[in-house]
Amino acid sequence: MGDTLQPNITLNELECDAITELLNIGMGQAASSLSEMVHEEVKLAIPSVELISRPEALARLNGHLQRRIAAVKQHFEGPFWGDAMLLFPQEKSLELVRTLMRDDDMPLAMLTELEQDALTEVGNIILNSCLGSLANILAHELTSDLPVFISGTAKEVLDACVPQGDDMVLFLRMDFALQAKDISGYVAFVLEIPSIEQFKCSIDNYLGGIVN
């Protein structure tokens, strides 16, 4: 975790622990909102915090590079900036739509038509909950664009978030699952190098406030 990306950009163990805790809090609130929507318990995995290359981020998005992903992307700006994403393998996203509509027999064609609107609404609730929690805890103002639905390969989704010239990203990921319905997905935050430096400063200020 302490590998240097370029001079002066590293995350130490304390910073990683703080980011993990912030993700836990934000996703805890988001999972509660999702649970209310689907009337199912939402299980959360332990967050991962990684400073990785663009190809590694691509692999994290999906191990099968040609497998299609349904994603809701929300760009945010503030002292640090980037993209928050809600991601599902395509088949899981359709199962989630079925669950939201409370109709296990809904035809696939109709599901596909509803998928974009339904997932965008879910993404809006979950990502805003995460970003709002992050902003409150770090005492920052974060503004966000309207969520955008993307369907494509992992590469197409990542290309929509990170300019091709950027070879390193901060990749924050938290998996979640609706076990009763066998639906799983995850939330990821992708920050480019200039934003990583600012985010690191925000985390250090947060940690300094706790210590003092």
N, C-alpha and C. Protein backbone atom coordinates (compact mmCIF):
# COMPACT_ATOMS: atom_id res chain seq x y z
N MET A 1 0.82 -1.20 0.00
CA MET A 1 0.00 0.00 0.00
C MET A 1 0.85 1.25 0.00
N GLY A 2 2.11 1.13 0.44
CA GLY A 2 2.95 2.31 0.52
C GLY A 2 3.78 2.52 -0.74
N ASP A 3 3.53 1.81 -1.81
CA ASP A 3 4.30 1.97 -3.04
C ASP A 3 4.13 3.37 -3.58
N THR A 4 5.21 3.96 -4.03
CA THR A 4 5.15 5.33 -4.52
C THR A 4 4.65 5.35 -5.95
N LEU A 5 3.69 6.25 -6.20
CA LEU A 5 3.17 6.41 -7.55
C LEU A 5 4.03 7.39 -8.33
N GLN A 6 4.32 8.48 -7.69
CA GLN A 6 5.23 9.49 -8.18
C GLN A 6 5.69 10.18 -6.91
N PRO A 7 6.70 11.06 -6.96
CA PRO A 7 7.23 11.63 -5.72
C PRO A 7 6.13 12.17 -4.81
N ASN A 8 6.21 11.80 -3.53
CA ASN A 8 5.35 12.33 -2.47
C ASN A 8 3.91 11.81 -2.50
N ILE A 9 3.59 10.83 -3.34
CA ILE A 9 2.23 10.28 -3.29
C ILE A 9 2.29 8.85 -2.76
N THR A 10 1.96 8.70 -1.49
CA THR A 10 1.83 7.39 -0.87
C THR A 10 0.69 7.47 0.13
N LEU A 11 0.18 6.34 0.52
CA LEU A 11 -0.79 6.27 1.61
C LEU A 11 -0.21 5.36 2.68
N ASN A 12 -0.10 5.88 3.90
CA ASN A 12 0.40 5.03 4.97
C ASN A 12 -0.75 4.22 5.59
N GLU A 13 -0.42 3.36 6.51
CA GLU A 13 -1.41 2.46 7.08
C GLU A 13 -2.53 3.21 7.80
N LEU A 14 -2.15 4.28 8.51
CA LEU A 14 -3.15 5.07 9.25
C LEU A 14 -4.13 5.73 8.28
N GLU A 15 -3.61 6.25 7.17
CA GLU A 15 -4.49 6.88 6.17
C GLU A 15 -5.42 5.85 5.54
N CYS A 16 -4.88 4.68 5.24
CA CYS A 16 -5.71 3.62 4.65
C CYS A 16 -6.81 3.19 5.62
N ASP A 17 -6.46 3.07 6.89
CA ASP A 17 -7.46 2.70 7.90
C ASP A 17 -8.55 3.75 8.00
N ALA A 18 -8.16 5.03 7.93
CA ALA A 18 -9.15 6.12 8.02
C ALA A 18 -10.08 6.09 6.82
N ILE A 19 -9.52 5.87 5.61
CA ILE A 19 -10.35 5.82 4.40
C ILE A 19 -11.31 4.64 4.48
N THR A 20 -10.81 3.49 4.96
CA THR A 20 -11.66 2.31 5.11
C THR A 20 -12.83 2.60 6.04
N GLU A 21 -12.54 3.29 7.15
CA GLU A 21 -13.60 3.60 8.11
C GLU A 21 -14.62 4.57 7.51
N LEU A 22 -14.14 5.55 6.74
CA LEU A 22 -15.06 6.49 6.08
C LEU A 22 -15.95 5.76 5.09
N LEU A 23 -15.38 4.81 4.34
CA LEU A 23 -16.18 4.02 3.40
C LEU A 23 -17.21 3.17 4.14
N ASN A 24 -16.80 2.61 5.27
CA ASN A 24 -17.73 1.80 6.07
C ASN A 24 -18.94 2.61 6.51
N ILE A 25 -18.68 3.82 6.98
CA ILE A 25 -19.77 4.68 7.45
C ILE A 25 -20.69 5.08 6.30
N GLY A 26 -20.08 5.54 5.20
CA GLY A 26 -20.88 5.98 4.06
C GLY A 26 -21.70 4.86 3.45
N MET A 27 -21.08 3.69 3.28
CA MET A 27 -21.80 2.57 2.68
C MET A 27 -22.80 1.96 3.64
N GLY A 28 -22.55 2.09 4.94
CA GLY A 28 -23.52 1.62 5.92
C GLY A 28 -24.84 2.35 5.76
N GLN A 29 -24.75 3.67 5.57
CA GLN A 29 -25.96 4.47 5.37
C GLN A 29 -26.60 4.14 4.02
N ALA A 30 -25.77 3.96 3.01
CA ALA A 30 -26.29 3.64 1.67
C ALA A 30 -26.96 2.28 1.67
N ALA A 31 -26.36 1.30 2.36
CA ALA A 31 -26.93 -0.04 2.42
C ALA A 31 -28.29 -0.03 3.12
N SER A 32 -28.41 0.81 4.12
CA SER A 32 -29.69 0.94 4.82
C SER A 32 -30.77 1.46 3.88
N SER A 33 -30.41 2.44 3.04
CA SER A 33 -31.37 2.97 2.06
C SER A 33 -31.77 1.91 1.05
N LEU A 34 -30.77 1.15 0.56
CA LEU A 34 -31.04 0.10 -0.42
C LEU A 34 -31.91 -1.00 0.20
N SER A 35 -31.64 -1.33 1.44
CA SER A 35 -32.40 -2.36 2.14
C SER A 35 -33.88 -1.98 2.23
N GLU A 36 -34.15 -0.71 2.50
CA GLU A 36 -35.53 -0.23 2.56
C GLU A 36 -36.21 -0.33 1.19
N MET A 37 -35.46 -0.08 0.14
CA MET A 37 -36.03 -0.10 -1.21
C MET A 37 -36.41 -1.51 -1.65
N VAL A 38 -35.58 -2.50 -1.29
CA VAL A 38 -35.79 -3.86 -1.79
C VAL A 38 -36.37 -4.80 -0.74
N HIS A 39 -36.52 -4.28 0.49
CA HIS A 39 -37.05 -5.11 1.58
C HIS A 39 -36.23 -6.37 1.78
N GLU A 40 -34.93 -6.23 1.66
CA GLU A 40 -34.00 -7.34 1.87
C GLU A 40 -32.81 -6.82 2.67
N GLU A 41 -32.19 -7.71 3.47
CA GLU A 41 -30.99 -7.32 4.17
C GLU A 41 -29.83 -7.19 3.18
N VAL A 42 -29.07 -6.13 3.32
CA VAL A 42 -27.91 -5.90 2.45
C VAL A 42 -26.63 -6.17 3.25
N LYS A 43 -25.83 -7.12 2.77
CA LYS A 43 -24.57 -7.47 3.43
C LYS A 43 -23.43 -6.67 2.80
N LEU A 44 -22.52 -6.15 3.64
CA LEU A 44 -21.38 -5.38 3.15
C LEU A 44 -20.09 -6.14 3.39
N ALA A 45 -19.17 -6.05 2.43
CA ALA A 45 -17.84 -6.64 2.59
C ALA A 45 -16.89 -5.57 3.14
N ILE A 46 -15.68 -5.99 3.48
CA ILE A 46 -14.68 -5.04 3.96
C ILE A 46 -14.18 -4.20 2.78
N PRO A 47 -14.14 -2.87 2.92
CA PRO A 47 -13.68 -2.03 1.80
C PRO A 47 -12.22 -2.30 1.44
N SER A 48 -11.90 -2.05 0.18
CA SER A 48 -10.50 -2.12 -0.25
C SER A 48 -10.06 -0.74 -0.71
N VAL A 49 -8.83 -0.38 -0.37
CA VAL A 49 -8.24 0.92 -0.72
C VAL A 49 -6.94 0.64 -1.44
N GLU A 50 -6.85 1.03 -2.70
CA GLU A 50 -5.67 0.69 -3.49
C GLU A 50 -5.22 1.85 -4.36
N LEU A 51 -3.92 2.09 -4.38
CA LEU A 51 -3.30 2.99 -5.35
C LEU A 51 -2.76 2.09 -6.46
N ILE A 52 -3.39 2.11 -7.61
CA ILE A 52 -3.06 1.12 -8.64
C ILE A 52 -2.98 1.76 -10.02
N SER A 53 -2.44 0.98 -10.97
CA SER A 53 -2.33 1.45 -12.34
C SER A 53 -3.69 1.34 -13.04
N ARG A 54 -3.78 1.99 -14.16
CA ARG A 54 -5.02 1.93 -14.94
C ARG A 54 -5.37 0.48 -15.34
N PRO A 55 -4.41 -0.33 -15.84
CA PRO A 55 -4.75 -1.72 -16.16
C PRO A 55 -5.23 -2.50 -14.94
N GLU A 56 -4.62 -2.24 -13.77
CA GLU A 56 -5.06 -2.92 -12.56
C GLU A 56 -6.48 -2.50 -12.18
N ALA A 57 -6.79 -1.21 -12.34
CA ALA A 57 -8.15 -0.73 -12.06
C ALA A 57 -9.15 -1.41 -12.98
N LEU A 58 -8.73 -1.61 -14.22
CA LEU A 58 -9.58 -2.30 -15.19
C LEU A 58 -9.88 -3.72 -14.73
N ALA A 59 -8.85 -4.39 -14.23
CA ALA A 59 -9.03 -5.76 -13.74
C ALA A 59 -9.93 -5.79 -12.51
N ARG A 60 -9.84 -4.76 -11.65
CA ARG A 60 -10.68 -4.70 -10.45
C ARG A 60 -12.14 -4.50 -10.83
N LEU A 61 -12.38 -3.72 -11.88
CA LEU A 61 -13.76 -3.47 -12.30
C LEU A 61 -14.44 -4.77 -12.69
N ASN A 62 -13.70 -5.61 -13.37
CA ASN A 62 -14.29 -6.89 -13.79
C ASN A 62 -13.18 -7.82 -14.25
N GLY A 63 -13.13 -9.00 -13.65
CA GLY A 63 -12.09 -9.95 -14.02
C GLY A 63 -12.24 -10.45 -15.46
N HIS A 64 -13.48 -10.45 -15.97
CA HIS A 64 -13.71 -10.87 -17.36
C HIS A 64 -13.87 -9.62 -18.21
N LEU A 65 -12.83 -9.27 -18.94
CA LEU A 65 -12.79 -7.95 -19.59
C LEU A 65 -13.89 -7.76 -20.63
N GLN A 66 -14.40 -8.84 -21.21
CA GLN A 66 -15.44 -8.69 -22.21
C GLN A 66 -16.85 -8.79 -21.62
N ARG A 67 -16.93 -9.12 -20.33
CA ARG A 67 -18.23 -9.22 -19.69
C ARG A 67 -18.83 -7.82 -19.54
N ARG A 68 -20.11 -7.70 -19.81
CA ARG A 68 -20.73 -6.38 -19.76
C ARG A 68 -21.12 -6.00 -18.33
N ILE A 69 -20.98 -4.72 -18.05
CA ILE A 69 -21.27 -4.18 -16.73
C ILE A 69 -22.36 -3.13 -16.87
N ALA A 70 -23.25 -3.08 -15.91
CA ALA A 70 -24.21 -1.97 -15.81
C ALA A 70 -23.69 -1.06 -14.70
N ALA A 71 -23.51 0.20 -15.01
CA ALA A 71 -22.92 1.13 -14.04
C ALA A 71 -23.71 2.43 -13.98
N VAL A 72 -23.74 3.01 -12.81
CA VAL A 72 -24.25 4.37 -12.63
C VAL A 72 -23.08 5.21 -12.13
N LYS A 73 -22.71 6.22 -12.89
CA LYS A 73 -21.55 7.06 -12.58
C LYS A 73 -22.00 8.45 -12.15
N GLN A 74 -21.40 8.95 -11.08
CA GLN A 74 -21.72 10.29 -10.61
C GLN A 74 -20.40 11.04 -10.37
N HIS A 75 -20.16 12.06 -11.16
CA HIS A 75 -18.95 12.87 -10.98
C HIS A 75 -19.17 13.85 -9.84
N PHE A 76 -18.13 14.02 -9.00
CA PHE A 76 -18.24 14.96 -7.89
C PHE A 76 -17.04 15.90 -7.87
N GLU A 77 -17.25 17.08 -7.33
CA GLU A 77 -16.21 18.10 -7.25
C GLU A 77 -16.17 18.66 -5.84
N GLY A 78 -15.01 19.14 -5.45
CA GLY A 78 -14.81 19.75 -4.14
C GLY A 78 -13.32 19.92 -3.92
N PRO A 79 -12.85 19.89 -2.67
CA PRO A 79 -11.41 19.93 -2.43
C PRO A 79 -10.70 18.79 -3.15
N PHE A 80 -11.34 17.66 -3.31
CA PHE A 80 -10.88 16.57 -4.17
C PHE A 80 -12.04 16.20 -5.08
N TRP A 81 -11.77 15.48 -6.14
CA TRP A 81 -12.80 15.25 -7.15
C TRP A 81 -12.59 13.88 -7.78
N GLY A 82 -13.60 13.40 -8.46
CA GLY A 82 -13.49 12.10 -9.11
C GLY A 82 -14.86 11.58 -9.50
N ASP A 83 -14.96 10.26 -9.64
CA ASP A 83 -16.21 9.62 -10.01
C ASP A 83 -16.57 8.55 -9.00
N ALA A 84 -17.82 8.62 -8.54
CA ALA A 84 -18.37 7.55 -7.71
C ALA A 84 -19.21 6.68 -8.63
N MET A 85 -19.09 5.37 -8.48
CA MET A 85 -19.80 4.46 -9.39
C MET A 85 -20.49 3.34 -8.62
N LEU A 86 -21.67 3.01 -9.07
CA LEU A 86 -22.38 1.82 -8.62
C LEU A 86 -22.33 0.83 -9.77
N LEU A 87 -21.81 -0.38 -9.53
CA LEU A 87 -21.58 -1.31 -10.62
C LEU A 87 -22.17 -2.69 -10.34
N PHE A 88 -22.73 -3.28 -11.40
CA PHE A 88 -23.26 -4.63 -11.35
C PHE A 88 -22.86 -5.37 -12.62
N PRO A 89 -22.58 -6.66 -12.53
CA PRO A 89 -22.58 -7.46 -13.76
C PRO A 89 -23.97 -7.34 -14.38
N GLN A 90 -24.05 -7.31 -15.70
CA GLN A 90 -25.32 -7.02 -16.38
C GLN A 90 -26.47 -7.91 -15.90
N GLU A 91 -26.20 -9.22 -15.72
CA GLU A 91 -27.29 -10.12 -15.33
C GLU A 91 -27.78 -9.81 -13.91
N LYS A 92 -26.88 -9.35 -13.03
CA LYS A 92 -27.28 -9.02 -11.66
C LYS A 92 -28.11 -7.74 -11.63
N SER A 93 -27.80 -6.82 -12.55
CA SER A 93 -28.56 -5.57 -12.58
C SER A 93 -30.01 -5.84 -12.96
N LEU A 94 -30.22 -6.78 -13.87
CA LEU A 94 -31.59 -7.11 -14.27
C LEU A 94 -32.34 -7.79 -13.13
N GLU A 95 -31.64 -8.61 -12.35
CA GLU A 95 -32.27 -9.23 -11.18
C GLU A 95 -32.66 -8.17 -10.16
N LEU A 96 -31.83 -7.15 -10.01
CA LEU A 96 -32.15 -6.07 -9.07
C LEU A 96 -33.40 -5.32 -9.53
N VAL A 97 -33.51 -5.09 -10.85
CA VAL A 97 -34.71 -4.42 -11.37
C VAL A 97 -35.95 -5.26 -11.06
N ARG A 98 -35.84 -6.58 -11.25
CA ARG A 98 -36.97 -7.47 -10.91
C ARG A 98 -37.37 -7.32 -9.45
N THR A 99 -36.35 -7.24 -8.59
CA THR A 99 -36.61 -7.11 -7.15
C THR A 99 -37.27 -5.78 -6.83
N LEU A 100 -36.77 -4.72 -7.46
CA LEU A 100 -37.35 -3.39 -7.23
C LEU A 100 -38.80 -3.33 -7.69
N MET A 101 -39.09 -4.00 -8.81
CA MET A 101 -40.45 -4.00 -9.35
C MET A 101 -41.35 -5.02 -8.65
N ARG A 102 -40.71 -5.86 -7.79
CA ARG A 102 -41.44 -6.91 -7.07
C ARG A 102 -42.23 -7.80 -8.03
N ASP A 103 -41.55 -8.17 -9.12
CA ASP A 103 -42.18 -9.03 -10.13
C ASP A 103 -41.14 -10.01 -10.66
N ASP A 104 -41.12 -11.22 -10.11
CA ASP A 104 -40.12 -12.22 -10.49
C ASP A 104 -40.34 -12.77 -11.90
N ASP A 105 -41.51 -12.52 -12.46
CA ASP A 105 -41.83 -13.08 -13.77
C ASP A 105 -41.80 -12.05 -14.89
N MET A 106 -41.31 -10.85 -14.60
CA MET A 106 -41.29 -9.80 -15.61
C MET A 106 -40.43 -10.21 -16.80
N PRO A 107 -40.93 -10.08 -18.04
CA PRO A 107 -40.16 -10.49 -19.23
C PRO A 107 -38.84 -9.72 -19.34
N LEU A 108 -37.84 -10.39 -19.91
CA LEU A 108 -36.51 -9.79 -20.03
C LEU A 108 -36.54 -8.48 -20.82
N ALA A 109 -37.33 -8.44 -21.90
CA ALA A 109 -37.38 -7.23 -22.73
C ALA A 109 -37.88 -6.03 -21.92
N MET A 110 -38.87 -6.27 -21.09
CA MET A 110 -39.40 -5.18 -20.27
C MET A 110 -38.39 -4.78 -19.20
N LEU A 111 -37.68 -5.78 -18.64
CA LEU A 111 -36.64 -5.49 -17.65
C LEU A 111 -35.58 -4.58 -18.23
N THR A 112 -35.15 -4.89 -19.45
CA THR A 112 -34.10 -4.12 -20.10
C THR A 112 -34.54 -2.67 -20.31
N GLU A 113 -35.81 -2.49 -20.67
CA GLU A 113 -36.34 -1.14 -20.85
C GLU A 113 -36.33 -0.36 -19.55
N LEU A 114 -36.62 -1.04 -18.44
CA LEU A 114 -36.71 -0.37 -17.15
C LEU A 114 -35.34 -0.22 -16.47
N GLU A 115 -34.36 -1.00 -16.94
CA GLU A 115 -33.08 -1.09 -16.25
C GLU A 115 -32.42 0.27 -16.04
N GLN A 116 -32.34 1.07 -17.08
CA GLN A 116 -31.63 2.34 -16.98
C GLN A 116 -32.25 3.26 -15.94
N ASP A 117 -33.57 3.44 -16.00
CA ASP A 117 -34.24 4.34 -15.06
C ASP A 117 -34.15 3.82 -13.63
N ALA A 118 -34.38 2.51 -13.47
CA ALA A 118 -34.39 1.92 -12.13
C ALA A 118 -33.01 1.99 -11.48
N LEU A 119 -31.98 1.61 -12.22
CA LEU A 119 -30.64 1.61 -11.65
C LEU A 119 -30.12 3.03 -11.43
N THR A 120 -30.50 3.96 -12.28
CA THR A 120 -30.09 5.35 -12.08
C THR A 120 -30.68 5.89 -10.78
N GLU A 121 -31.91 5.52 -10.50
CA GLU A 121 -32.54 5.96 -9.25
C GLU A 121 -31.85 5.33 -8.04
N VAL A 122 -31.55 4.03 -8.14
CA VAL A 122 -30.82 3.35 -7.06
C VAL A 122 -29.45 4.00 -6.87
N GLY A 123 -28.76 4.23 -8.00
CA GLY A 123 -27.44 4.86 -7.93
C GLY A 123 -27.49 6.24 -7.32
N ASN A 124 -28.50 7.00 -7.66
CA ASN A 124 -28.66 8.35 -7.12
C ASN A 124 -28.75 8.31 -5.60
N ILE A 125 -29.53 7.37 -5.07
CA ILE A 125 -29.72 7.27 -3.63
C ILE A 125 -28.45 6.79 -2.94
N ILE A 126 -27.85 5.71 -3.47
CA ILE A 126 -26.68 5.12 -2.82
C ILE A 126 -25.46 6.04 -2.92
N LEU A 127 -25.18 6.57 -4.11
CA LEU A 127 -23.98 7.39 -4.28
C LEU A 127 -24.10 8.71 -3.54
N ASN A 128 -25.28 9.31 -3.53
CA ASN A 128 -25.46 10.55 -2.78
C ASN A 128 -25.31 10.32 -1.28
N SER A 129 -25.76 9.16 -0.82
CA SER A 129 -25.59 8.81 0.59
C SER A 129 -24.11 8.69 0.95
N CYS A 130 -23.35 8.03 0.08
CA CYS A 130 -21.91 7.89 0.30
C CYS A 130 -21.20 9.23 0.28
N LEU A 131 -21.49 10.02 -0.75
CA LEU A 131 -20.81 11.31 -0.90
C LEU A 131 -21.20 12.26 0.23
N GLY A 132 -22.47 12.23 0.62
CA GLY A 132 -22.93 13.09 1.70
C GLY A 132 -22.25 12.74 3.01
N SER A 133 -22.10 11.46 3.28
CA SER A 133 -21.42 11.02 4.50
C SER A 133 -19.96 11.44 4.48
N LEU A 134 -19.31 11.26 3.33
CA LEU A 134 -17.90 11.64 3.19
C LEU A 134 -17.72 13.14 3.42
N ALA A 135 -18.60 13.93 2.82
CA ALA A 135 -18.52 15.38 2.96
C ALA A 135 -18.73 15.81 4.41
N ASN A 136 -19.70 15.20 5.08
CA ASN A 136 -20.00 15.57 6.47
C ASN A 136 -18.84 15.25 7.40
N ILE A 137 -18.29 14.05 7.26
CA ILE A 137 -17.22 13.63 8.17
C ILE A 137 -15.95 14.45 7.96
N LEU A 138 -15.63 14.73 6.69
CA LEU A 138 -14.42 15.50 6.39
C LEU A 138 -14.65 17.01 6.46
N ALA A 139 -15.91 17.41 6.73
CA ALA A 139 -16.27 18.83 6.82
C ALA A 139 -15.94 19.57 5.52
N HIS A 140 -16.30 18.96 4.40
CA HIS A 140 -16.09 19.54 3.08
C HIS A 140 -17.44 19.72 2.39
N GLU A 141 -17.44 20.59 1.40
CA GLU A 141 -18.61 20.69 0.54
C GLU A 141 -18.28 19.98 -0.78
N LEU A 142 -19.03 18.94 -1.07
CA LEU A 142 -18.88 18.23 -2.33
C LEU A 142 -20.13 18.43 -3.16
N THR A 143 -19.96 18.83 -4.40
CA THR A 143 -21.10 18.95 -5.31
C THR A 143 -21.01 17.83 -6.34
N SER A 144 -22.14 17.36 -6.79
CA SER A 144 -22.11 16.24 -7.74
C SER A 144 -23.05 16.49 -8.91
N ASP A 145 -22.68 15.92 -10.04
CA ASP A 145 -23.52 15.98 -11.23
C ASP A 145 -24.67 14.99 -11.09
N LEU A 146 -25.61 15.06 -12.01
CA LEU A 146 -26.67 14.06 -12.04
C LEU A 146 -26.06 12.71 -12.42
N PRO A 147 -26.54 11.63 -11.85
CA PRO A 147 -25.98 10.32 -12.19
C PRO A 147 -26.23 9.96 -13.65
N VAL A 148 -25.28 9.22 -14.23
CA VAL A 148 -25.35 8.82 -15.64
C VAL A 148 -25.27 7.30 -15.71
N PHE A 149 -26.16 6.69 -16.48
CA PHE A 149 -26.15 5.23 -16.66
C PHE A 149 -25.20 4.86 -17.79
N ILE A 150 -24.35 3.85 -17.55
CA ILE A 150 -23.43 3.35 -18.56
C ILE A 150 -23.56 1.84 -18.61
N SER A 151 -23.62 1.29 -19.81
CA SER A 151 -23.60 -0.16 -19.96
C SER A 151 -22.52 -0.49 -20.98
N GLY A 152 -21.59 -1.35 -20.58
CA GLY A 152 -20.51 -1.69 -21.51
C GLY A 152 -19.50 -2.60 -20.85
N THR A 153 -18.36 -2.78 -21.49
CA THR A 153 -17.28 -3.57 -20.91
C THR A 153 -16.60 -2.76 -19.81
N ALA A 154 -15.75 -3.43 -19.02
CA ALA A 154 -15.03 -2.74 -17.97
C ALA A 154 -14.20 -1.59 -18.53
N LYS A 155 -13.58 -1.80 -19.69
CA LYS A 155 -12.77 -0.75 -20.30
C LYS A 155 -13.61 0.45 -20.69
N GLU A 156 -14.80 0.21 -21.24
CA GLU A 156 -15.67 1.32 -21.64
C GLU A 156 -16.13 2.12 -20.42
N VAL A 157 -16.40 1.42 -19.34
CA VAL A 157 -16.83 2.10 -18.11
C VAL A 157 -15.68 2.93 -17.54
N LEU A 158 -14.48 2.36 -17.48
CA LEU A 158 -13.34 3.10 -16.94
C LEU A 158 -12.97 4.28 -17.82
N ASP A 159 -13.04 4.11 -19.13
CA ASP A 159 -12.73 5.20 -20.06
C ASP A 159 -13.66 6.39 -19.86
N ALA A 160 -14.88 6.11 -19.39
CA ALA A 160 -15.85 7.19 -19.15
C ALA A 160 -15.52 7.98 -17.88
N CYS A 161 -14.60 7.42 -17.06
CA CYS A 161 -14.28 8.05 -15.77
C CYS A 161 -12.90 8.68 -15.73
N VAL A 162 -11.92 7.99 -16.29
CA VAL A 162 -10.52 8.41 -16.16
C VAL A 162 -9.93 8.69 -17.53
N PRO A 163 -9.38 9.91 -17.76
CA PRO A 163 -8.75 10.19 -19.05
C PRO A 163 -7.67 9.17 -19.37
N GLN A 164 -7.55 8.82 -20.65
CA GLN A 164 -6.65 7.74 -21.05
C GLN A 164 -5.20 8.01 -20.66
N GLY A 165 -4.81 9.28 -20.54
CA GLY A 165 -3.42 9.59 -20.22
C GLY A 165 -3.04 9.30 -18.77
N ASP A 166 -4.03 9.18 -17.89
CA ASP A 166 -3.73 8.97 -16.47
C ASP A 166 -3.41 7.50 -16.22
N ASP A 167 -2.16 7.23 -15.78
CA ASP A 167 -1.80 5.83 -15.59
C ASP A 167 -1.94 5.35 -14.16
N MET A 168 -2.28 6.21 -13.21
CA MET A 168 -2.48 5.75 -11.84
C MET A 168 -3.80 6.32 -11.30
N VAL A 169 -4.48 5.50 -10.50
CA VAL A 169 -5.74 5.96 -9.89
C VAL A 169 -5.81 5.45 -8.46
N LEU A 170 -6.56 6.17 -7.64
CA LEU A 170 -6.91 5.68 -6.31
C LEU A 170 -8.25 4.98 -6.45
N PHE A 171 -8.26 3.70 -6.14
CA PHE A 171 -9.44 2.87 -6.37
C PHE A 171 -9.98 2.42 -5.02
N LEU A 172 -11.13 2.94 -4.65
CA LEU A 172 -11.79 2.58 -3.40
C LEU A 172 -13.02 1.74 -3.75
N ARG A 173 -13.11 0.56 -3.15
CA ARG A 173 -14.20 -0.34 -3.55
C ARG A 173 -14.83 -0.99 -2.33
N MET A 174 -16.17 -1.12 -2.36
CA MET A 174 -16.87 -1.86 -1.33
C MET A 174 -17.96 -2.70 -1.96
N ASP A 175 -17.88 -4.01 -1.75
CA ASP A 175 -18.86 -4.94 -2.30
C ASP A 175 -20.07 -5.06 -1.38
N PHE A 176 -21.22 -5.31 -1.98
CA PHE A 176 -22.42 -5.55 -1.18
C PHE A 176 -23.25 -6.64 -1.87
N ALA A 177 -24.13 -7.26 -1.11
CA ALA A 177 -24.93 -8.36 -1.66
C ALA A 177 -26.30 -8.42 -0.99
N LEU A 178 -27.30 -8.76 -1.79
CA LEU A 178 -28.63 -9.10 -1.28
C LEU A 178 -28.68 -10.63 -1.32
N GLN A 179 -28.35 -11.26 -0.22
CA GLN A 179 -28.14 -12.69 -0.23
C GLN A 179 -29.40 -13.48 -0.58
N ALA A 180 -30.54 -12.99 -0.14
CA ALA A 180 -31.78 -13.73 -0.39
C ALA A 180 -32.10 -13.79 -1.88
N LYS A 181 -31.58 -12.82 -2.65
CA LYS A 181 -31.88 -12.75 -4.08
C LYS A 181 -30.67 -13.07 -4.96
N ASP A 182 -29.53 -13.39 -4.34
CA ASP A 182 -28.31 -13.67 -5.09
C ASP A 182 -27.97 -12.51 -6.03
N ILE A 183 -28.04 -11.30 -5.47
CA ILE A 183 -27.69 -10.09 -6.22
C ILE A 183 -26.47 -9.46 -5.55
N SER A 184 -25.45 -9.20 -6.32
CA SER A 184 -24.25 -8.58 -5.77
C SER A 184 -23.78 -7.47 -6.70
N GLY A 185 -23.13 -6.51 -6.12
CA GLY A 185 -22.58 -5.40 -6.88
C GLY A 185 -21.57 -4.69 -6.01
N TYR A 186 -21.11 -3.55 -6.43
CA TYR A 186 -20.19 -2.81 -5.58
C TYR A 186 -20.18 -1.34 -5.92
N VAL A 187 -19.71 -0.56 -4.97
CA VAL A 187 -19.52 0.88 -5.14
C VAL A 187 -18.02 1.12 -5.24
N ALA A 188 -17.61 1.93 -6.19
CA ALA A 188 -16.19 2.26 -6.34
C ALA A 188 -16.04 3.77 -6.52
N PHE A 189 -14.97 4.30 -5.97
CA PHE A 189 -14.59 5.69 -6.19
C PHE A 189 -13.27 5.69 -6.94
N VAL A 190 -13.19 6.46 -8.01
CA VAL A 190 -11.97 6.53 -8.81
C VAL A 190 -11.48 7.98 -8.82
N LEU A 191 -10.26 8.19 -8.34
CA LEU A 191 -9.65 9.53 -8.29
C LEU A 191 -8.35 9.50 -9.09
N GLU A 192 -8.10 10.56 -9.84
CA GLU A 192 -6.86 10.69 -10.60
C GLU A 192 -5.77 11.29 -9.71
N ILE A 193 -4.53 11.30 -10.22
CA ILE A 193 -3.38 11.70 -9.42
C ILE A 193 -3.52 13.08 -8.76
N PRO A 194 -3.89 14.15 -9.47
CA PRO A 194 -3.99 15.45 -8.78
C PRO A 194 -5.02 15.42 -7.65
N SER A 195 -6.11 14.70 -7.86
CA SER A 195 -7.14 14.61 -6.82
C SER A 195 -6.68 13.75 -5.65
N ILE A 196 -5.88 12.73 -5.93
CA ILE A 196 -5.36 11.87 -4.85
C ILE A 196 -4.57 12.71 -3.85
N GLU A 197 -3.76 13.64 -4.36
CA GLU A 197 -2.95 14.48 -3.48
C GLU A 197 -3.85 15.31 -2.56
N GLN A 198 -4.93 15.85 -3.11
CA GLN A 198 -5.86 16.66 -2.31
C GLN A 198 -6.63 15.80 -1.31
N PHE A 199 -7.01 14.61 -1.75
CA PHE A 199 -7.75 13.69 -0.87
C PHE A 199 -6.86 13.28 0.31
N LYS A 200 -5.60 13.02 0.02
CA LYS A 200 -4.63 12.68 1.07
C LYS A 200 -4.54 13.82 2.10
N CYS A 201 -4.51 15.05 1.63
CA CYS A 201 -4.48 16.20 2.55
C CYS A 201 -5.73 16.25 3.42
N SER A 202 -6.88 15.97 2.81
CA SER A 202 -8.14 15.98 3.57
C SER A 202 -8.14 14.90 4.65
N ILE A 203 -7.63 13.72 4.30
CA ILE A 203 -7.55 12.63 5.28
C ILE A 203 -6.59 12.99 6.41
N ASP A 204 -5.45 13.59 6.07
CA ASP A 204 -4.48 13.98 7.10
C ASP A 204 -5.07 15.03 8.03
N ASN A 205 -5.83 15.98 7.47
CA ASN A 205 -6.48 17.00 8.31
C ASN A 205 -7.51 16.36 9.24
N TYR A 206 -8.24 15.39 8.69
CA TYR A 206 -9.24 14.66 9.49
C TYR A 206 -8.55 13.91 10.63
N LEU A 207 -7.45 13.23 10.32
CA LEU A 207 -6.72 12.50 11.35
C LEU A 207 -6.12 13.45 12.39
N GLY A 208 -5.64 14.60 11.92
CA GLY A 208 -5.09 15.59 12.86
C GLY A 208 -6.14 16.10 13.82
N GLY A 209 -7.38 16.26 13.32
CA GLY A 209 -8.49 16.70 14.17
C GLY A 209 -8.82 15.69 15.22
N ILE A 210 -8.72 14.40 14.87
CA ILE A 210 -9.02 13.33 15.85
C ILE A 210 -7.94 13.29 16.94
N VAL A 211 -6.67 13.40 16.49
CA VAL A 211 -5.56 13.33 17.45
C VAL A 211 -5.58 14.51 18.40
N ASN A 212 -5.90 15.69 17.83
CA ASN A 212 -5.91 16.90 18.65
C ASN A 212 -7.21 17.05 19.42
